[in-house]
Amino acid sequence: MTEDTISCELHDFVEVACMYHYQLKLILKNEQMIEGTAIDIVNTPEMQECLIIDNDSRIQIELTQLVRMEVLTPNAKFREVIFE
């Protein structure tokens, strides 16, 4: 695993969040907090994997920038994932 990828296990949590359109609260490496609905994972032209979050507009967040993902949706399959 390199610095521009995340582990398969962590990737699986992000995929599940997208599959169920979980409402998320994300903390990024730059300490920014973003809340919204997980939509999809996409690859940029530079081959970076990004999570698409919808919070009245669609935001693209590189997976390698995630520090913490908290699920706000009740009765979700998991509650929190730490990326560091």
Protein backbone atom coordinates (compact mmCIF):
# COMPACT_ATOMS: atom_id res chain seq x y z
CA MET A 1 0.00 0.00 0.00
CA THR A 2 1.36 3.41 -0.94
CA GLU A 3 0.58 6.88 0.33
CA ASP A 4 -1.88 7.45 -2.53
CA THR A 5 -4.09 4.46 -1.66
CA ILE A 6 -6.02 3.19 1.33
CA SER A 7 -6.24 -0.40 2.53
CA CYS A 8 -8.81 -2.74 0.99
CA GLU A 9 -10.53 -3.06 4.37
CA LEU A 10 -11.00 0.72 4.68
CA HIS A 11 -12.10 0.90 1.04
CA ASP A 12 -14.80 -1.68 1.79
CA PHE A 13 -16.27 0.56 4.50
CA VAL A 14 -16.46 3.46 2.05
CA GLU A 15 -18.13 1.20 -0.54
CA VAL A 16 -20.75 0.06 2.00
CA ALA A 17 -21.44 3.71 2.93
CA CYS A 18 -22.06 4.46 -0.75
CA MET A 19 -24.14 1.34 -1.34
CA TYR A 20 -26.55 2.30 1.48
CA HIS A 21 -26.26 6.08 0.90
CA TYR A 22 -25.30 6.61 4.52
CA GLN A 23 -25.32 10.10 5.96
CA LEU A 24 -21.70 10.76 6.95
CA LYS A 25 -19.58 13.16 8.93
CA LEU A 26 -16.03 13.17 7.58
CA ILE A 27 -12.89 14.59 9.16
CA LEU A 28 -10.08 15.28 6.69
CA LYS A 29 -6.32 15.54 7.19
CA ASN A 30 -6.55 19.33 6.95
CA GLU A 31 -9.02 19.15 9.92
CA GLN A 32 -11.96 20.16 7.69
CA MET A 33 -15.29 18.57 8.61
CA ILE A 34 -17.79 17.65 5.87
CA GLU A 35 -21.28 16.20 6.31
CA GLY A 36 -23.39 14.71 3.57
CA THR A 37 -24.72 11.58 1.90
CA ALA A 38 -22.27 9.06 0.45
CA ILE A 39 -23.01 8.68 -3.26
CA ASP A 40 -20.19 6.89 -5.09
CA ILE A 41 -16.46 6.30 -5.46
CA VAL A 42 -14.89 7.63 -8.66
CA ASN A 43 -11.43 7.83 -10.19
CA THR A 44 -10.06 11.18 -11.30
CA PRO A 45 -8.08 11.51 -14.54
CA GLU A 46 -4.98 11.46 -12.29
CA MET A 47 -6.15 8.02 -11.03
CA GLN A 48 -6.96 9.22 -7.52
CA GLU A 49 -9.93 7.54 -5.86
CA CYS A 50 -12.51 9.98 -4.55
CA LEU A 51 -15.67 9.71 -2.50
CA ILE A 52 -18.61 11.72 -3.84
CA ILE A 53 -20.62 13.32 -1.03
CA ASP A 54 -23.90 15.14 -1.57
CA ASN A 55 -24.66 18.02 0.81
CA ASP A 56 -26.81 20.24 -1.44
CA SER A 57 -23.97 20.10 -3.96
CA ARG A 58 -21.68 17.24 -4.85
CA ILE A 59 -18.23 17.26 -3.29
CA GLN A 60 -15.36 15.03 -4.38
CA ILE A 61 -12.98 13.97 -1.56
CA GLU A 62 -9.80 12.00 -2.12
CA LEU A 63 -9.92 8.82 -0.03
CA THR A 64 -6.32 9.39 1.09
CA GLN A 65 -7.42 12.65 2.77
CA LEU A 66 -9.84 10.91 5.15
CA VAL A 67 -8.94 10.69 8.83
CA ARG A 68 -12.31 9.67 10.28
CA MET A 69 -15.70 8.68 8.87
CA GLU A 70 -18.65 8.73 11.25
CA VAL A 71 -21.98 7.28 10.12
CA LEU A 72 -24.93 9.42 11.18
CA THR A 73 -27.58 7.12 9.68
CA PRO A 74 -29.46 5.20 12.41
CA ASN A 75 -29.05 1.40 12.52
CA ALA A 76 -26.12 1.44 10.09
CA LYS A 77 -23.91 -1.63 9.65
CA PHE A 78 -21.02 0.26 11.31
CA ARG A 79 -20.65 3.50 13.24
CA GLU A 80 -17.13 4.86 12.75
CA VAL A 81 -13.98 4.20 10.75
CA ILE A 82 -10.55 5.63 11.57
CA PHE A 83 -8.22 5.97 8.57
CA GLU A 84 -4.97 6.72 10.41
